[in-house]
Amino acid sequence: MGNLYNSPFESQFDPDRAQLFIIAQLLRGVHTCDLVKVLAVRPTGGKVGFVDVQPMTLETDTNKVVLEQAPIFNVPYMRLQGGASAVKLDPAVGDIGLAMFAERDITNIKQTAAAAAPATDRTFSTADALYIGGVLNPDPTQYVEFLPGAGGINIVSPATISVQTPGNVHFTAAQVVFDADVIFNKNVSSTKTGAGVNTFAAPIAAPDAIINGVTQSTHQHGGVTTGSGNTTGPHN
């Protein structure tokens, strides 16, 4: 009868070594977590999607020959989410991340997103992987950065940043500074009260202005005479 555990030839003459080898082989079948590289990303409509990943830790046979592991397909990836609120940051091909392996077969749960019995008796299998997130990746070019010691928050993007809400956007701050041209596509109003005035460091260019209910582009001062009579157009 052939050797079921493919133990090294010399270990077959030492019962203790043979037993240790068998135990070691069995323990290697218990997968806990591993570093993987993302091969493909498949977002799905209505729920978080799946990735295909390549384990990065290579295996060796009994003769120390290095063997590449097979890819793991259809792995659910994690999204930071609570109820209807989430940070949508899907993995990208080439990402290095952490894969964890479920204690039991999660095939039925992946299909239904509901409690279900294990489909097989397998345990701690790479087939039941979960992709947790990126590690050992290069610095991003688009990010939200929380500075140490609650020193502030930086939001950086090389492209447009859009904020959408059917409600109001409320800023509470000592000062809001715009180092950019500002375009208003809707009405602008100020409810400033108390001491001080709204101050602008440069002239304001506009087709018209209404101050205290008076339209400045057509306002005329009545009862003011000049050498030729009443004024006929706006003037100071």
Protein backbone atom coordinates (compact mmCIF):
# COMPACT_ATOMS: atom_id res chain seq x y z
CA MET A 1 0.00 0.00 0.00
CA GLY A 2 1.35 3.42 -0.94
CA ASN A 3 2.14 6.11 1.59
CA LEU A 4 -1.01 8.25 1.96
CA TYR A 5 0.86 11.28 3.35
CA ASN A 6 3.82 11.38 0.96
CA SER A 7 6.26 11.54 3.89
CA PRO A 8 10.01 11.76 3.25
CA PHE A 9 11.66 8.38 2.79
CA GLU A 10 13.83 8.65 5.92
CA SER A 11 10.87 9.45 8.18
CA GLN A 12 9.33 6.08 7.43
CA PHE A 13 11.99 4.40 9.60
CA ASP A 14 11.32 6.63 12.64
CA PRO A 15 7.75 6.35 14.03
CA ASP A 16 8.02 9.64 15.94
CA ARG A 17 9.21 11.59 12.92
CA ALA A 18 6.55 9.99 10.74
CA GLN A 19 3.85 11.01 13.22
CA LEU A 20 5.17 14.57 13.45
CA PHE A 21 5.18 14.81 9.67
CA ILE A 22 1.57 13.62 9.46
CA ILE A 23 0.47 16.14 12.12
CA ALA A 24 2.32 18.94 10.35
CA GLN A 25 0.65 18.06 7.05
CA LEU A 26 -2.78 18.07 8.67
CA LEU A 27 -2.14 21.46 10.29
CA ARG A 28 -1.09 22.91 6.94
CA GLY A 29 -4.60 22.14 5.72
CA VAL A 30 -6.05 24.54 8.29
CA HIS A 31 -6.04 27.94 6.56
CA THR A 32 -6.39 31.03 8.73
CA CYS A 33 -5.30 34.10 6.72
CA ASP A 34 -2.89 34.92 3.92
CA LEU A 35 -1.68 37.79 1.77
CA VAL A 36 -3.23 37.74 -1.70
CA LYS A 37 -3.13 39.83 -4.88
CA VAL A 38 -6.36 40.87 -6.57
CA LEU A 39 -6.72 39.40 -10.08
CA ALA A 40 -10.26 40.55 -10.94
CA VAL A 41 -13.01 42.67 -9.40
CA ARG A 42 -16.70 42.02 -10.02
CA PRO A 43 -19.03 44.58 -8.41
CA THR A 44 -22.64 43.43 -8.37
CA GLY A 45 -25.85 45.43 -8.52
CA GLY A 46 -27.57 45.94 -5.20
CA LYS A 47 -24.84 44.49 -2.97
CA VAL A 48 -21.09 44.33 -2.43
CA GLY A 49 -19.26 42.28 -5.06
CA PHE A 50 -16.56 39.66 -5.40
CA VAL A 51 -12.88 39.38 -6.31
CA ASP A 52 -10.59 36.70 -7.66
CA VAL A 53 -7.30 36.57 -5.76
CA GLN A 54 -3.90 34.91 -6.03
CA PRO A 55 -2.30 33.71 -2.76
CA MET A 56 1.19 35.20 -2.50
CA THR A 57 2.73 32.70 -0.08
CA LEU A 58 4.24 29.96 -2.18
CA GLU A 59 4.10 26.29 -1.18
CA THR A 60 6.95 23.75 -1.21
CA ASP A 61 6.79 20.00 -1.68
CA THR A 62 8.72 17.42 0.33
CA ASN A 63 11.77 18.04 -1.85
CA LYS A 64 11.62 21.82 -1.20
CA VAL A 65 10.46 22.55 -4.72
CA VAL A 66 8.57 25.87 -4.73
CA LEU A 67 5.00 25.62 -6.00
CA GLU A 68 2.64 28.47 -6.83
CA GLN A 69 -0.82 28.19 -5.30
CA ALA A 70 -3.95 28.16 -7.43
CA PRO A 71 -6.09 31.32 -7.63
CA ILE A 72 -9.16 31.61 -5.41
CA PHE A 73 -12.30 32.66 -7.25
CA ASN A 74 -15.50 34.44 -6.25
CA VAL A 75 -14.27 35.82 -2.93
CA PRO A 76 -16.61 38.34 -1.20
CA TYR A 77 -14.82 41.59 -0.37
CA MET A 78 -15.49 43.79 2.63
CA ARG A 79 -16.95 47.29 2.53
CA LEU A 80 -17.00 49.57 5.59
CA GLN A 81 -20.76 49.80 6.01
CA GLY A 82 -23.46 50.30 8.61
CA GLY A 83 -27.07 50.04 7.44
CA ALA A 84 -27.62 52.30 4.43
CA SER A 85 -24.38 54.24 5.06
CA ALA A 86 -21.02 53.13 3.70
CA VAL A 87 -17.60 54.11 2.44
CA LYS A 88 -17.62 52.83 -1.15
CA LEU A 89 -14.03 51.87 -1.85
CA ASP A 90 -13.91 48.77 -4.02
CA PRO A 91 -10.65 46.85 -4.52
CA ALA A 92 -8.63 47.33 -7.70
CA VAL A 93 -6.77 44.77 -9.79
CA GLY A 94 -3.21 44.50 -8.50
CA ASP A 95 -4.05 45.36 -4.90
CA ILE A 96 -2.34 43.35 -2.19
CA GLY A 97 -4.68 42.53 0.66
CA LEU A 98 -5.55 40.17 3.47
CA ALA A 99 -7.72 37.12 2.88
CA MET A 100 -9.30 35.30 5.79
CA PHE A 101 -10.81 31.82 5.59
CA ALA A 102 -14.11 30.91 7.19
CA GLU A 103 -14.37 28.09 9.72
CA ARG A 104 -17.05 26.29 7.65
CA ASP A 105 -18.33 26.19 4.08
CA ILE A 106 -20.02 29.55 3.33
CA THR A 107 -21.14 28.77 -0.25
CA ASN A 108 -24.87 28.92 0.54
CA ILE A 109 -24.53 32.17 2.49
CA LYS A 110 -22.66 33.81 -0.41
CA GLN A 111 -25.55 32.94 -2.72
CA THR A 112 -28.45 33.99 -0.48
CA ALA A 113 -26.98 36.53 2.01
CA ALA A 114 -28.96 34.67 4.68
CA ALA A 115 -28.25 32.09 7.38
CA ALA A 116 -27.68 28.66 5.87
CA ALA A 117 -26.20 25.26 6.67
CA PRO A 118 -22.70 24.48 5.32
CA ALA A 119 -22.87 22.98 1.84
CA THR A 120 -20.00 20.57 2.62
CA ASP A 121 -17.98 19.33 5.60
CA ARG A 122 -14.87 21.28 4.68
CA THR A 123 -13.30 23.54 7.32
CA PHE A 124 -10.81 26.43 7.10
CA SER A 125 -10.62 25.98 3.32
CA THR A 126 -9.24 28.50 0.85
CA ALA A 127 -12.51 28.03 -1.06
CA ASP A 128 -14.22 29.92 1.77
CA ALA A 129 -12.06 33.04 1.61
CA LEU A 130 -13.10 36.58 2.51
CA TYR A 131 -11.11 39.57 1.19
CA ILE A 132 -10.68 42.11 3.99
CA GLY A 133 -8.65 44.95 2.48
CA GLY A 134 -5.38 46.34 1.22
CA VAL A 135 -1.95 46.09 2.84
CA LEU A 136 1.59 46.70 1.55
CA ASN A 137 0.28 48.90 -1.28
CA PRO A 138 1.90 52.16 -2.54
CA ASP A 139 0.72 55.57 -1.33
CA PRO A 140 -2.61 56.58 -2.92
CA THR A 141 -3.11 59.74 -4.98
CA GLN A 142 -6.72 60.16 -3.83
CA TYR A 143 -7.49 59.86 -0.15
CA VAL A 144 -9.01 61.07 3.10
CA GLU A 145 -6.18 61.53 5.62
CA PHE A 146 -6.74 61.78 9.37
CA LEU A 147 -3.69 63.51 10.85
CA PRO A 148 -2.16 62.14 14.08
CA GLY A 149 -3.29 63.56 17.41
CA ALA A 150 -6.59 64.80 15.96
CA GLY A 151 -4.53 67.35 14.04
CA GLY A 152 -6.97 67.75 11.17
CA ILE A 153 -8.36 65.99 8.12
CA ASN A 154 -7.07 66.25 4.54
CA ILE A 155 -9.27 65.39 1.56
CA VAL A 156 -7.19 65.07 -1.63
CA SER A 157 -8.35 64.22 -5.15
CA PRO A 158 -6.75 64.73 -8.59
CA ALA A 159 -10.23 65.19 -10.09
CA THR A 160 -13.64 66.64 -9.27
CA ILE A 161 -15.08 66.26 -5.77
CA SER A 162 -18.89 66.17 -5.76
CA VAL A 163 -21.16 66.59 -2.75
CA GLN A 164 -24.82 65.75 -3.36
CA THR A 165 -27.72 66.05 -0.94
CA PRO A 166 -31.40 67.05 -1.19
CA GLY A 167 -30.91 68.91 2.10
CA ASN A 168 -28.54 71.63 3.24
CA VAL A 169 -24.75 71.61 3.56
CA HIS A 170 -23.87 73.36 6.79
CA PHE A 171 -20.38 74.69 7.59
CA THR A 172 -19.53 75.63 11.16
CA ALA A 173 -16.03 77.10 11.26
CA ALA A 174 -14.08 80.18 12.28
CA GLN A 175 -13.42 80.91 8.61
CA VAL A 176 -13.94 79.31 5.20
CA VAL A 177 -11.21 80.14 2.68
CA PHE A 178 -11.55 79.47 -1.06
CA ASP A 179 -8.25 79.46 -2.98
CA ALA A 180 -10.17 79.10 -6.23
CA ASP A 181 -12.65 80.83 -8.50
CA VAL A 182 -16.16 80.42 -7.09
CA ILE A 183 -19.20 80.07 -9.35
CA PHE A 184 -22.72 80.23 -7.93
CA ASN A 185 -25.45 78.71 -10.09
CA LYS A 186 -28.14 79.57 -7.54
CA ASN A 187 -29.07 82.49 -5.33
CA VAL A 188 -26.64 83.69 -2.68
CA SER A 189 -27.80 85.30 0.57
CA SER A 190 -26.22 86.43 3.81
CA THR A 191 -27.86 86.46 7.22
CA LYS A 192 -24.93 88.09 8.97
CA THR A 193 -26.00 90.16 11.97
CA GLY A 194 -24.24 92.16 14.67
CA ALA A 195 -21.03 94.14 14.35
CA GLY A 196 -19.05 94.16 11.13
CA VAL A 197 -20.04 93.96 7.49
CA ASN A 198 -19.54 91.57 4.62
CA THR A 199 -16.20 92.66 3.20
CA PHE A 200 -14.77 92.02 -0.27
CA ALA A 201 -11.13 92.77 -1.05
CA ALA A 202 -11.77 93.24 -4.79
CA PRO A 203 -14.47 94.95 -6.89
CA ILE A 204 -17.70 93.05 -7.49
CA ALA A 205 -18.71 92.73 -11.14
CA ALA A 206 -22.39 92.00 -11.77
CA PRO A 207 -25.10 93.01 -14.29
CA ASP A 208 -27.14 94.54 -11.48
CA ALA A 209 -27.42 94.88 -7.70
CA ILE A 210 -30.38 95.47 -5.42
CA ILE A 211 -29.50 97.28 -2.19
CA ASN A 212 -32.21 98.04 0.35
CA GLY A 213 -34.76 97.18 -2.30
CA VAL A 214 -33.33 99.63 -4.85
CA THR A 215 -32.20 98.37 -8.26
CA GLN A 216 -28.88 100.09 -8.85
CA SER A 217 -28.75 99.80 -12.66
CA THR A 218 -31.89 101.92 -13.18
CA HIS A 219 -32.07 103.97 -9.98
CA GLN A 220 -32.45 107.73 -10.39
CA HIS A 221 -32.25 110.39 -7.69
CA GLY A 222 -35.33 112.57 -7.79
CA GLY A 223 -35.16 116.30 -6.97
CA VAL A 224 -31.54 116.59 -7.99
CA THR A 225 -30.88 119.28 -10.57
CA THR A 226 -27.94 120.05 -12.70
CA GLY A 227 -27.33 122.77 -15.22
CA SER A 228 -29.67 121.00 -17.64
CA GLY A 229 -32.37 119.81 -15.20
CA ASN A 230 -33.15 116.57 -13.28
CA THR A 231 -30.82 113.59 -13.65
CA THR A 232 -31.92 111.05 -16.24
CA GLY A 233 -29.82 108.07 -15.26
CA PRO A 234 -28.18 106.36 -12.34
CA HIS A 235 -25.56 108.35 -10.53
CA ASN A 236 -23.91 108.51 -7.16
